[in-house]
Amino acid sequence: MEIEVMYATEEHTKYSELVCQLIYESALKRGTGIAKRSPLYITEKMCNGKAVVALEGEKLVGFSYIESWGHDDFVATSGLIVDPDYRGQGLASRIKEKTFELARRRFPTAKIFSITTSLPVMKMNTKIGYKPVTFSELTDDEEFWKGCEGCCNYDVLLRNNKVRCICTGMLFDPSDPDNVGK
């Protein structure tokens, strides 16, 4: 069966708990930090047109979402997850590209960023046009950084005054000449 990657809608909210479970299990397996999200938070993203799902028939096999910060000057792409049985097939790249497309469509002038500990995500981001940056180049919106509180590495972020952490910050700036036409 073919896997379809699409913008999430209200009809996909039935997968919210499964998304949270997949995110949690992935973080445990990798032994790295990942901000925990509630099913209600995931549901809101889907209902507000800020999420992407990957489905094989009716089975959820992947997910990601966006959130705007700093008066829509920044958009974070977050929560990228692929069911372990579907990894290694290029699905994460398809989800990442669709999430990036959603961010560009909804917020065309915003800087798009991602923070991650995952080398494959860093490679996907680089392919799209993101560049590694210090956290000082990301949003200074305190609400964004509160989202890191559920991460097992939050103490590292606090000890470093939100300037450094275990994650790598990556930024796509639409005004960068290298990104014209993307």
Protein backbone atom coordinates (compact mmCIF):
# COMPACT_ATOMS: atom_id res chain seq x y z
CA MET A 1 0.00 0.00 0.00
CA GLU A 2 1.22 3.50 -0.81
CA ILE A 3 2.05 5.98 1.95
CA GLU A 4 0.40 9.37 1.55
CA VAL A 5 1.97 12.45 3.17
CA MET A 6 -0.59 15.24 3.61
CA TYR A 7 -1.61 18.25 5.62
CA ALA A 8 -3.46 17.12 8.72
CA THR A 9 -7.07 18.09 9.34
CA GLU A 10 -9.58 17.61 12.13
CA GLU A 11 -10.29 14.08 10.86
CA HIS A 12 -6.73 13.08 11.82
CA THR A 13 -7.09 14.03 15.49
CA LYS A 14 -7.88 10.39 16.25
CA TYR A 15 -4.11 9.81 15.94
CA SER A 16 -3.05 12.40 18.53
CA GLU A 17 -2.35 9.92 21.33
CA LEU A 18 -0.43 7.65 18.98
CA VAL A 19 1.72 10.59 17.85
CA CYS A 20 2.61 11.35 21.47
CA GLN A 21 3.41 7.69 22.10
CA LEU A 22 5.68 7.50 19.04
CA ILE A 23 7.52 10.68 20.05
CA TYR A 24 8.04 9.39 23.60
CA GLU A 25 9.22 5.93 22.50
CA SER A 26 11.63 7.44 19.98
CA ALA A 27 13.17 9.68 22.63
CA LEU A 28 13.63 6.72 24.98
CA LYS A 29 15.21 4.57 22.29
CA ARG A 30 17.62 7.30 21.13
CA GLY A 31 18.44 8.36 24.69
CA THR A 32 18.27 11.99 23.62
CA GLY A 33 16.07 14.84 24.61
CA ILE A 34 12.80 15.59 22.94
CA ALA A 35 10.14 17.96 24.16
CA LYS A 36 7.05 16.08 25.31
CA ARG A 37 3.73 17.13 23.83
CA SER A 38 0.23 16.32 25.01
CA PRO A 39 -2.47 14.79 22.81
CA LEU A 40 -4.42 18.05 23.19
CA TYR A 41 -1.45 20.03 21.84
CA ILE A 42 -1.16 17.68 18.84
CA THR A 43 -4.92 17.87 18.26
CA GLU A 44 -4.75 21.69 18.21
CA LYS A 45 -1.98 21.58 15.60
CA MET A 46 -4.08 19.30 13.38
CA CYS A 47 -7.25 21.37 13.76
CA ASN A 48 -5.39 24.62 13.07
CA GLY A 49 -3.79 23.40 9.83
CA LYS A 50 -0.31 23.28 11.33
CA ALA A 51 0.52 19.59 11.02
CA VAL A 52 1.47 16.92 8.52
CA VAL A 53 0.57 13.24 8.74
CA ALA A 54 1.80 10.22 6.83
CA LEU A 55 -0.73 7.45 6.40
CA GLU A 56 -0.63 3.99 4.92
CA GLY A 57 -4.32 3.50 4.39
CA GLU A 58 -5.76 4.33 7.82
CA LYS A 59 -2.53 3.60 9.69
CA LEU A 60 -0.54 6.57 10.99
CA VAL A 61 3.13 6.06 10.09
CA GLY A 62 4.55 9.58 10.49
CA PHE A 63 3.92 13.10 11.74
CA SER A 64 5.35 16.63 12.10
CA TYR A 65 3.99 20.08 12.92
CA ILE A 66 4.79 23.79 12.77
CA GLU A 67 4.37 26.63 15.23
CA SER A 68 4.90 30.35 14.73
CA TRP A 69 6.78 32.54 17.22
CA GLY A 70 7.79 36.16 17.68
CA HIS A 71 4.75 37.69 15.95
CA ASP A 72 5.11 35.20 13.05
CA ASP A 73 8.71 36.25 12.36
CA PHE A 74 9.84 32.68 13.10
CA VAL A 75 8.32 29.27 12.46
CA ALA A 76 9.58 26.10 14.10
CA THR A 77 9.23 22.75 12.37
CA SER A 78 8.94 20.17 15.13
CA GLY A 79 7.88 16.74 16.24
CA LEU A 80 9.11 14.82 13.20
CA ILE A 81 8.42 11.17 13.88
CA VAL A 82 8.26 8.02 11.76
CA ASP A 83 6.91 4.68 12.99
CA PRO A 84 9.96 2.42 13.59
CA ASP A 85 8.62 -0.16 11.09
CA TYR A 86 8.72 2.49 8.33
CA ARG A 87 12.15 3.98 8.90
CA GLY A 88 14.90 3.80 6.30
CA GLN A 89 12.50 4.28 3.38
CA GLY A 90 12.86 8.04 2.88
CA LEU A 91 9.57 8.77 4.64
CA ALA A 92 11.11 11.23 7.12
CA SER A 93 12.41 13.31 4.20
CA ARG A 94 8.98 13.36 2.59
CA ILE A 95 7.38 14.48 5.86
CA LYS A 96 10.08 17.10 6.45
CA GLU A 97 9.64 18.51 2.94
CA LYS A 98 5.84 18.66 3.34
CA THR A 99 6.21 20.36 6.74
CA PHE A 100 8.64 22.88 5.23
CA GLU A 101 6.18 23.50 2.38
CA LEU A 102 3.42 24.08 4.95
CA ALA A 103 5.59 26.57 6.86
CA ARG A 104 6.50 28.46 3.67
CA ARG A 105 2.87 28.50 2.53
CA ARG A 106 1.43 29.68 5.86
CA PHE A 107 4.28 32.08 6.78
CA PRO A 108 6.10 33.03 3.54
CA THR A 109 8.38 35.70 5.04
CA ALA A 110 9.18 33.94 8.32
CA LYS A 111 12.52 32.45 9.21
CA ILE A 112 12.04 28.71 9.65
CA PHE A 113 14.00 26.85 12.27
CA SER A 114 14.49 23.45 13.78
CA ILE A 115 16.39 22.25 16.80
CA THR A 116 17.49 18.65 16.82
CA THR A 117 19.98 16.10 18.10
CA SER A 118 19.41 13.87 15.07
CA LEU A 119 22.08 13.72 12.36
CA PRO A 120 19.56 12.49 9.74
CA VAL A 121 17.31 15.49 10.51
CA MET A 122 20.30 17.81 10.22
CA LYS A 123 21.07 16.34 6.79
CA MET A 124 17.43 16.75 5.68
CA ASN A 125 17.40 20.35 6.92
CA THR A 126 20.64 21.14 5.09
CA LYS A 127 19.26 19.72 1.84
CA ILE A 128 16.23 22.03 2.11
CA GLY A 129 18.38 25.11 2.82
CA TYR A 130 18.66 25.35 6.60
CA LYS A 131 22.02 26.37 8.05
CA PRO A 132 23.41 25.61 11.52
CA VAL A 133 23.15 28.62 13.83
CA THR A 134 23.59 29.51 17.47
CA PHE A 135 20.42 29.67 19.52
CA SER A 136 20.79 33.46 19.68
CA GLU A 137 19.68 33.57 16.01
CA LEU A 138 16.44 31.75 16.81
CA THR A 139 13.32 33.23 18.34
CA ASP A 140 13.62 34.94 21.71
CA ASP A 141 9.95 34.16 22.39
CA GLU A 142 9.87 32.76 25.94
CA GLU A 143 6.87 30.58 25.09
CA PHE A 144 8.98 28.65 22.58
CA TRP A 145 11.68 27.91 25.15
CA LYS A 146 9.04 26.78 27.66
CA GLY A 147 8.34 23.97 25.21
CA CYS A 148 11.79 22.58 26.00
CA GLU A 149 10.85 22.05 29.66
CA GLY A 150 9.73 18.46 28.94
CA CYS A 151 13.13 17.54 27.50
CA CYS A 152 15.56 15.50 29.62
CA ASN A 153 18.28 18.02 28.69
CA TYR A 154 16.41 21.12 29.81
CA ASP A 155 18.89 21.66 32.64
CA VAL A 156 21.70 21.94 30.05
CA LEU A 157 19.79 24.67 28.23
CA LEU A 158 19.18 26.58 31.47
CA ARG A 159 22.79 26.25 32.65
CA ASN A 160 23.85 27.85 29.38
CA ASN A 161 21.34 30.73 29.56
CA LYS A 162 19.44 29.35 26.53
CA VAL A 163 22.45 29.99 24.31
CA ARG A 164 23.65 26.36 23.95
CA CYS A 165 22.25 22.91 24.48
CA ILE A 166 22.76 19.39 23.20
CA CYS A 167 20.52 20.20 20.26
CA THR A 168 21.74 21.93 17.12
CA GLY A 169 19.81 24.97 15.94
CA MET A 170 19.19 25.19 12.20
CA LEU A 171 17.66 28.13 10.36
CA PHE A 172 16.18 28.74 6.91
CA ASP A 173 16.13 32.45 6.17
CA PRO A 174 14.03 33.29 3.08
CA SER A 175 15.96 36.54 2.65
CA ASP A 176 19.29 34.65 2.33
CA PRO A 177 20.37 34.86 -1.36
CA ASP A 178 21.15 31.12 -1.27
CA ASN A 179 17.45 30.45 -0.59
CA VAL A 180 15.87 32.49 -3.38
CA GLY A 181 13.28 30.35 -5.13
CA LYS A 182 12.95 27.80 -2.32
